[in-house]
């Protein structure tokens, strides 16, 4: 079942305000468990983790910044 525009918008807000900070804390703790082999390896780990969170959530964020496609347009009430 596909989520409606309003549901995707609400879920995206919850993800960005609640889940993202938690994900950042977990990612930092995971990286802190390993010794720092080099700055480049650490950077690659952060970039990988930064991309990994968005892949499963791509469908929720897609089109959220656009106007609601299900909303009725007010063009019929306009007088030109």
PDB file of N, CA and C in Angstrom:
ATOM      1  N   UNK A   1       0.832  -1.168   0.000  1.00  0.00           N
ATOM      2  CA  UNK A   1       0.000   0.000   0.000  1.00  0.00           C
ATOM      3  C   UNK A   1       0.884   1.240   0.000  1.00  0.00           C
ATOM      4  N   UNK A   2       0.646   2.114  -0.920  1.00  0.00           N
ATOM      5  CA  UNK A   2       1.427   3.345  -1.040  1.00  0.00           C
ATOM      6  C   UNK A   2       0.928   4.376  -0.031  1.00  0.00           C
ATOM      7  N   UNK A   3       1.853   5.130   0.498  1.00  0.00           N
ATOM      8  CA  UNK A   3       1.501   6.180   1.447  1.00  0.00           C
ATOM      9  C   UNK A   3       0.963   7.400   0.710  1.00  0.00           C
ATOM     10  N   UNK A   4       0.031   8.074   1.339  1.00  0.00           N
ATOM     11  CA  UNK A   4      -0.497   9.302   0.740  1.00  0.00           C
ATOM     12  C   UNK A   4       0.547  10.404   0.884  1.00  0.00           C
ATOM     13  N   UNK A   5       0.305  11.494   0.203  1.00  0.00           N
ATOM     14  CA  UNK A   5       1.237  12.630   0.250  1.00  0.00           C
ATOM     15  C   UNK A   5       1.370  13.155   1.678  1.00  0.00           C
ATOM     16  N   UNK A   6       0.252  13.305   2.367  1.00  0.00           N
ATOM     17  CA  UNK A   6       0.284  13.825   3.739  1.00  0.00           C
ATOM     18  C   UNK A   6       1.011  12.863   4.679  1.00  0.00           C
ATOM     19  N   UNK A   7       0.806  11.572   4.498  1.00  0.00           N
ATOM     20  CA  UNK A   7       1.480  10.586   5.346  1.00  0.00           C
ATOM     21  C   UNK A   7       2.989  10.601   5.090  1.00  0.00           C
ATOM     22  N   UNK A   8       3.375  10.681   3.822  1.00  0.00           N
ATOM     23  CA  UNK A   8       4.811  10.755   3.508  1.00  0.00           C
ATOM     24  C   UNK A   8       5.430  12.012   4.089  1.00  0.00           C
ATOM     25  N   UNK A   9       4.680  13.099   4.046  1.00  0.00           N
ATOM     26  CA  UNK A   9       5.190  14.357   4.593  1.00  0.00           C
ATOM     27  C   UNK A   9       5.372  14.280   6.108  1.00  0.00           C
ATOM     28  N   UNK A  10       4.415  13.681   6.776  1.00  0.00           N
ATOM     29  CA  UNK A  10       4.520  13.524   8.236  1.00  0.00           C
ATOM     30  C   UNK A  10       5.662  12.585   8.608  1.00  0.00           C
ATOM     31  N   UNK A  11       5.755  11.460   7.918  1.00  0.00           N
ATOM     32  CA  UNK A  11       6.829  10.507   8.210  1.00  0.00           C
ATOM     33  C   UNK A  11       8.198  11.116   7.931  1.00  0.00           C
ATOM     34  N   UNK A  12       8.312  11.903   6.897  1.00  0.00           N
ATOM     35  CA  UNK A  12       9.605  12.528   6.607  1.00  0.00           C
ATOM     36  C   UNK A  12       9.996  13.493   7.717  1.00  0.00           C
ATOM     37  N   UNK A  13       9.041  14.199   8.282  1.00  0.00           N
ATOM     38  CA  UNK A  13       9.319  15.098   9.394  1.00  0.00           C
ATOM     39  C   UNK A  13       9.765  14.324  10.632  1.00  0.00           C
ATOM     40  N   UNK A  14       9.091  13.222  10.935  1.00  0.00           N
ATOM     41  CA  UNK A  14       9.478  12.381  12.074  1.00  0.00           C
ATOM     42  C   UNK A  14      10.875  11.808  11.871  1.00  0.00           C
ATOM     43  N   UNK A  15      11.156  11.370  10.671  1.00  0.00           N
ATOM     44  CA  UNK A  15      12.467  10.801  10.377  1.00  0.00           C
ATOM     45  C   UNK A  15      13.562  11.843  10.556  1.00  0.00           C
ATOM     46  N   UNK A  16      13.341  13.041  10.038  1.00  0.00           N
ATOM     47  CA  UNK A  16      14.370  14.077  10.119  1.00  0.00           C
ATOM     48  C   UNK A  16      14.551  14.628  11.534  1.00  0.00           C
ATOM     49  N   UNK A  17      13.485  14.725  12.307  1.00  0.00           N
ATOM     50  CA  UNK A  17      13.586  15.318  13.637  1.00  0.00           C
ATOM     51  C   UNK A  17      13.906  14.327  14.747  1.00  0.00           C
ATOM     52  N   UNK A  18      13.537  13.054  14.577  1.00  0.00           N
ATOM     53  CA  UNK A  18      13.744  12.071  15.637  1.00  0.00           C
ATOM     54  C   UNK A  18      14.767  11.015  15.232  1.00  0.00           C
ATOM     55  N   UNK A  19      14.550  10.383  14.093  1.00  0.00           N
ATOM     56  CA  UNK A  19      15.398   9.257  13.713  1.00  0.00           C
ATOM     57  C   UNK A  19      16.797   9.678  13.279  1.00  0.00           C
ATOM     58  N   UNK A  20      16.912  10.805  12.590  1.00  0.00           N
ATOM     59  CA  UNK A  20      18.238  11.242  12.125  1.00  0.00           C
ATOM     60  C   UNK A  20      19.196  11.538  13.271  1.00  0.00           C
ATOM     61  N   UNK A  21      18.807  12.296  14.293  1.00  0.00           N
ATOM     62  CA  UNK A  21      19.741  12.500  15.405  1.00  0.00           C
ATOM     63  C   UNK A  21      20.145  11.192  16.090  1.00  0.00           C
ATOM     64  N   UNK A  22      19.190  10.272  16.229  1.00  0.00           N
ATOM     65  CA  UNK A  22      19.525   8.971  16.814  1.00  0.00           C
ATOM     66  C   UNK A  22      20.503   8.204  15.928  1.00  0.00           C
ATOM     67  N   UNK A  23      20.298   8.269  14.623  1.00  0.00           N
ATOM     68  CA  UNK A  23      21.191   7.597  13.684  1.00  0.00           C
ATOM     69  C   UNK A  23      22.598   8.185  13.748  1.00  0.00           C
ATOM     70  N   UNK A  24      22.695   9.491  13.876  1.00  0.00           N
ATOM     71  CA  UNK A  24      24.002  10.144  13.968  1.00  0.00           C
ATOM     72  C   UNK A  24      24.729   9.708  15.233  1.00  0.00           C
ATOM     73  N   UNK A  25      24.018   9.635  16.342  1.00  0.00           N
ATOM     74  CA  UNK A  25      24.632   9.196  17.593  1.00  0.00           C
ATOM     75  C   UNK A  25      25.121   7.764  17.492  1.00  0.00           C
ATOM     76  N   UNK A  26      24.304   6.897  16.914  1.00  0.00           N
ATOM     77  CA  UNK A  26      24.706   5.492  16.738  1.00  0.00           C
ATOM     78  C   UNK A  26      25.900   5.385  15.797  1.00  0.00           C
ATOM     79  N   UNK A  27      25.892   6.136  14.703  1.00  0.00           N
ATOM     80  CA  UNK A  27      27.006   6.096  13.752  1.00  0.00           C
ATOM     81  C   UNK A  27      28.303   6.565  14.402  1.00  0.00           C
ATOM     82  N   UNK A  28      28.239   7.631  15.180  1.00  0.00           N
ATOM     83  CA  UNK A  28      29.430   8.127  15.869  1.00  0.00           C
ATOM     84  C   UNK A  28      29.966   7.104  16.865  1.00  0.00           C
ATOM     85  N   UNK A  29      29.069   6.446  17.583  1.00  0.00           N
ATOM     86  CA  UNK A  29      29.509   5.427  18.539  1.00  0.00           C
ATOM     87  C   UNK A  29      30.111   4.212  17.843  1.00  0.00           C
ATOM     88  N   UNK A  30      29.575   3.842  16.699  1.00  0.00           N
ATOM     89  CA  UNK A  30      30.135   2.711  15.950  1.00  0.00           C
ATOM     90  C   UNK A  30      31.530   3.050  15.446  1.00  0.00           C
ATOM     91  N   UNK A  31      31.712   4.233  14.912  1.00  0.00           N
ATOM     92  CA  UNK A  31      33.019   4.637  14.405  1.00  0.00           C
ATOM     93  C   UNK A  31      34.018   4.772  15.555  1.00  0.00           C
ATOM     94  N   UNK A  32      33.559   5.187  16.724  1.00  0.00           N
ATOM     95  CA  UNK A  32      34.443   5.338  17.883  1.00  0.00           C
ATOM     96  C   UNK A  32      34.942   3.999  18.408  1.00  0.00           C
ATOM     97  N   UNK A  33      34.246   2.911  18.088  1.00  0.00           N
ATOM     98  CA  UNK A  33      34.681   1.591  18.538  1.00  0.00           C
ATOM     99  C   UNK A  33      35.970   1.135  17.861  1.00  0.00           C
ATOM    100  N   UNK A  34      36.208   1.599  16.663  1.00  0.00           N
ATOM    101  CA  UNK A  34      37.378   1.192  15.899  1.00  0.00           C
ATOM    102  C   UNK A  34      38.515   2.175  16.112  1.00  0.00           C
ATOM    103  N   UNK A  35      39.741   1.639  16.001  1.00  0.00           N
ATOM    104  CA  UNK A  35      40.882   2.546  16.031  1.00  0.00           C
ATOM    105  C   UNK A  35      40.892   3.356  14.753  1.00  0.00           C
ATOM    106  N   UNK A  36      41.458   4.499  14.824  1.00  0.00           N
ATOM    107  CA  UNK A  36      41.464   5.402  13.673  1.00  0.00           C
ATOM    108  C   UNK A  36      42.653   5.051  12.776  1.00  0.00           C
ATOM    109  N   UNK A  37      42.404   4.260  11.719  1.00  0.00           N
ATOM    110  CA  UNK A  37      43.524   3.868  10.849  1.00  0.00           C
ATOM    111  C   UNK A  37      44.062   5.048  10.042  1.00  0.00           C
ATOM    112  N   UNK A  38      43.183   5.824   9.491  1.00  0.00           N
ATOM    113  CA  UNK A  38      43.585   7.033   8.770  1.00  0.00           C
ATOM    114  C   UNK A  38      42.366   7.930   8.618  1.00  0.00           C
ATOM    115  N   UNK A  39      42.640   9.170   8.336  1.00  0.00           N
ATOM    116  CA  UNK A  39      41.562  10.146   8.173  1.00  0.00           C
ATOM    117  C   UNK A  39      40.699   9.795   6.961  1.00  0.00           C
ATOM    118  N   UNK A  40      41.310   9.280   5.904  1.00  0.00           N
ATOM    119  CA  UNK A  40      40.581   8.937   4.685  1.00  0.00           C
ATOM    120  C   UNK A  40      39.613   7.786   4.922  1.00  0.00           C
ATOM    121  N   UNK A  41      40.034   6.784   5.676  1.00  0.00           N
ATOM    122  CA  UNK A  41      39.151   5.647   5.969  1.00  0.00           C
ATOM    123  C   UNK A  41      37.962   6.112   6.806  1.00  0.00           C
ATOM    124  N   UNK A  42      38.226   6.960   7.779  1.00  0.00           N
ATOM    125  CA  UNK A  42      37.148   7.480   8.615  1.00  0.00           C
ATOM    126  C   UNK A  42      36.171   8.313   7.786  1.00  0.00           C
ATOM    127  N   UNK A  43      36.696   9.111   6.885  1.00  0.00           N
ATOM    128  CA  UNK A  43      35.845   9.899   6.000  1.00  0.00           C
ATOM    129  C   UNK A  43      34.981   8.998   5.122  1.00  0.00           C
ATOM    130  N   UNK A  44      35.551   7.937   4.586  1.00  0.00           N
ATOM    131  CA  UNK A  44      34.790   6.996   3.755  1.00  0.00           C
ATOM    132  C   UNK A  44      33.696   6.301   4.563  1.00  0.00           C
ATOM    133  N   UNK A  45      33.975   5.988   5.821  1.00  0.00           N
ATOM    134  CA  UNK A  45      32.959   5.372   6.677  1.00  0.00           C
ATOM    135  C   UNK A  45      31.798   6.336   6.897  1.00  0.00           C
ATOM    136  N   UNK A  46      32.110   7.596   7.194  1.00  0.00           N
ATOM    137  CA  UNK A  46      31.053   8.591   7.403  1.00  0.00           C
ATOM    138  C   UNK A  46      30.246   8.841   6.136  1.00  0.00           C
ATOM    139  N   UNK A  47      30.904   8.885   5.005  1.00  0.00           N
ATOM    140  CA  UNK A  47      30.189   9.078   3.734  1.00  0.00           C
ATOM    141  C   UNK A  47      29.291   7.876   3.452  1.00  0.00           C
ATOM    142  N   UNK A  48      29.810   6.672   3.685  1.00  0.00           N
ATOM    143  CA  UNK A  48      29.010   5.458   3.490  1.00  0.00           C
ATOM    144  C   UNK A  48      27.790   5.419   4.396  1.00  0.00           C
ATOM    145  N   UNK A  49      27.992   5.762   5.665  1.00  0.00           N
ATOM    146  CA  UNK A  49      26.858   5.803   6.595  1.00  0.00           C
ATOM    147  C   UNK A  49      25.886   6.930   6.251  1.00  0.00           C
ATOM    148  N   UNK A  50      26.405   8.022   5.721  1.00  0.00           N
ATOM    149  CA  UNK A  50      25.547   9.129   5.323  1.00  0.00           C
ATOM    150  C   UNK A  50      24.648   8.793   4.149  1.00  0.00           C
ATOM    151  N   UNK A  51      25.121   7.942   3.274  1.00  0.00           N
ATOM    152  CA  UNK A  51      24.321   7.520   2.114  1.00  0.00           C
ATOM    153  C   UNK A  51      23.425   6.342   2.477  1.00  0.00           C
ATOM    154  N   UNK A  52      23.873   5.496   3.385  1.00  0.00           N
ATOM    155  CA  UNK A  52      23.148   4.264   3.707  1.00  0.00           C
ATOM    156  C   UNK A  52      21.770   4.528   4.326  1.00  0.00           C
ATOM    157  N   UNK A  53      21.616   5.593   5.070  1.00  0.00           N
ATOM    158  CA  UNK A  53      20.326   5.825   5.731  1.00  0.00           C
ATOM    159  C   UNK A  53      19.250   6.246   4.751  1.00  0.00           C
ATOM    160  N   UNK A  54      19.634   6.879   3.660  1.00  0.00           N
ATOM    161  CA  UNK A  54      18.628   7.427   2.754  1.00  0.00           C
ATOM    162  C   UNK A  54      18.116   6.380   1.749  1.00  0.00           C
ATOM    163  N   UNK A  55      18.892   5.372   1.467  1.00  0.00           N
ATOM    164  CA  UNK A  55      18.478   4.392   0.451  1.00  0.00           C
ATOM    165  C   UNK A  55      17.152   3.699   0.782  1.00  0.00           C
ATOM    166  N   UNK A  56      16.947   3.191   1.988  1.00  0.00           N
ATOM    167  CA  UNK A  56      15.639   2.565   2.252  1.00  0.00           C
ATOM    168  C   UNK A  56      14.497   3.565   2.418  1.00  0.00           C
ATOM    169  N   UNK A  57      14.820   4.830   2.660  1.00  0.00           N
ATOM    170  CA  UNK A  57      13.789   5.845   2.907  1.00  0.00           C
ATOM    171  C   UNK A  57      13.542   6.747   1.706  1.00  0.00           C
ATOM    172  N   UNK A  58      14.127   6.410   0.582  1.00  0.00           N
ATOM    173  CA  UNK A  58      14.030   7.241  -0.616  1.00  0.00           C
ATOM    174  C   UNK A  58      12.579   7.468  -1.051  1.00  0.00           C
ATOM    175  N   UNK A  59      11.763   6.439  -0.965  1.00  0.00           N
ATOM    176  CA  UNK A  59      10.379   6.565  -1.427  1.00  0.00           C
ATOM    177  C   UNK A  59       9.559   7.494  -0.537  1.00  0.00           C
ATOM    178  N   UNK A  60       9.929   7.621   0.728  1.00  0.00           N
ATOM    179  CA  UNK A  60       9.187   8.518   1.622  1.00  0.00           C
ATOM    180  C   UNK A  60       9.495   9.971   1.299  1.00  0.00           C
ATOM    181  N   UNK A  61      10.772  10.270   1.017  1.00  0.00           N
ATOM    182  CA  UNK A  61      11.175  11.644   0.780  1.00  0.00           C
ATOM    183  C   UNK A  61      10.911  12.128  -0.641  1.00  0.00           C
ATOM    184  N   UNK A  62      10.637  11.224  -1.548  1.00  0.00           N
ATOM    185  CA  UNK A  62      10.471  11.597  -2.945  1.00  0.00           C
ATOM    186  C   UNK A  62       9.197  12.431  -3.148  1.00  0.00           C
ATOM    187  N   UNK A  63       9.363  13.649  -3.640  1.00  0.00           N
ATOM    188  CA  UNK A  63       8.234  14.510  -3.961  1.00  0.00           C
ATOM    189  C   UNK A  63       7.627  15.259  -2.791  1.00  0.00           C
ATOM    190  N   UNK A  64       8.232  15.182  -1.603  1.00  0.00           N
ATOM    191  CA  UNK A  64       7.658  15.844  -0.438  1.00  0.00           C
ATOM    192  C   UNK A  64       7.752  17.361  -0.563  1.00  0.00           C
ATOM    193  N   UNK A  65       8.763  17.860  -1.226  1.00  0.00           N
ATOM    194  CA  UNK A  65       8.917  19.301  -1.387  1.00  0.00           C
ATOM    195  C   UNK A  65       8.028  19.895  -2.459  1.00  0.00           C
ATOM    196  N   UNK A  66       7.335  19.078  -3.191  1.00  0.00           N
ATOM    197  CA  UNK A  66       6.447  19.550  -4.251  1.00  0.00           C
ATOM    198  C   UNK A  66       5.069  19.882  -3.683  1.00  0.00           C
ATOM    199  N   UNK A  67       4.250  20.501  -4.480  1.00  0.00           N
ATOM    200  CA  UNK A  67       2.873  20.774  -4.075  1.00  0.00           C
ATOM    201  C   UNK A  67       2.097  19.468  -3.999  1.00  0.00           C
ATOM    202  N   UNK A  68       1.068  19.446  -3.181  1.00  0.00           N
ATOM    203  CA  UNK A  68       0.253  18.249  -3.008  1.00  0.00           C
ATOM    204  C   UNK A  68      -0.426  17.889  -4.329  1.00  0.00           C
ATOM    205  N   UNK A  69      -0.111  16.716  -4.884  1.00  0.00           N
ATOM    206  CA  UNK A  69      -0.718  16.351  -6.167  1.00  0.00           C
ATOM    207  C   UNK A  69      -2.202  16.011  -6.053  1.00  0.00           C
ATOM    208  N   UNK A  70      -2.681  15.708  -4.855  1.00  0.00           N
ATOM    209  CA  UNK A  70      -4.084  15.350  -4.667  1.00  0.00           C
ATOM    210  C   UNK A  70      -4.962  16.548  -4.341  1.00  0.00           C
ATOM    211  N   UNK A  71      -4.350  17.696  -4.101  1.00  0.00           N
ATOM    212  CA  UNK A  71      -5.127  18.891  -3.750  1.00  0.00           C
ATOM    213  C   UNK A  71      -5.868  19.403  -4.973  1.00  0.00           C
ATOM    214  N   UNK A  72      -7.064  19.884  -4.729  1.00  0.00           N
ATOM    215  CA  UNK A  72      -7.855  20.450  -5.820  1.00  0.00           C
ATOM    216  C   UNK A  72      -7.334  21.837  -6.125  1.00  0.00           C
ATOM    217  N   UNK A  73      -7.222  22.143  -7.374  1.00  0.00           N
ATOM    218  CA  UNK A  73      -6.725  23.468  -7.758  1.00  0.00           C
ATOM    219  C   UNK A  73      -7.839  24.497  -7.613  1.00  0.00           C
ATOM    220  N   UNK A  74      -7.433  25.734  -7.343  1.00  0.00           N
ATOM    221  CA  UNK A  74      -8.393  26.831  -7.187  1.00  0.00           C
ATOM    222  C   UNK A  74      -8.538  27.632  -8.475  1.00  0.00           C
ATOM    223  N   UNK A  75      -8.162  27.059  -9.594  1.00  0.00           N
ATOM    224  CA  UNK A  75      -8.232  27.767 -10.869  1.00  0.00           C
ATOM    225  C   UNK A  75      -9.669  28.070 -11.284  1.00  0.00           C
ATOM    226  N   UNK A  76     -10.631  27.259 -10.875  1.00  0.00           N
ATOM    227  CA  UNK A  76     -12.007  27.472 -11.298  1.00  0.00           C
ATOM    228  C   UNK A  76     -12.625  28.690 -10.629  1.00  0.00           C
ATOM    229  N   UNK A  77     -12.105  29.092  -9.478  1.00  0.00           N
ATOM    230  CA  UNK A  77     -12.677  30.241  -8.778  1.00  0.00           C
ATOM    231  C   UNK A  77     -12.005  31.555  -9.167  1.00  0.00           C
ATOM    232  N   UNK A  78     -10.955  31.493  -9.961  1.00  0.00           N
ATOM    233  CA  UNK A  78     -10.246  32.703 -10.360  1.00  0.00           C
ATOM    234  C   UNK A  78     -10.971  33.387 -11.515  1.00  0.00           C
ATOM    235  N   UNK A  79     -10.998  34.692 -11.465  1.00  0.00           N
ATOM    236  CA  UNK A  79     -11.569  35.471 -12.563  1.00  0.00           C
ATOM    237  C   UNK A  79     -10.425  36.153 -13.284  1.00  0.00           C
ATOM    238  N   UNK A  80     -10.265  35.847 -14.539  1.00  0.00           N
ATOM    239  CA  UNK A  80      -9.185  36.444 -15.326  1.00  0.00           C
ATOM    240  C   UNK A  80      -9.670  37.541 -16.204  1.00  0.00           C
TER     241      UNK A  80
END
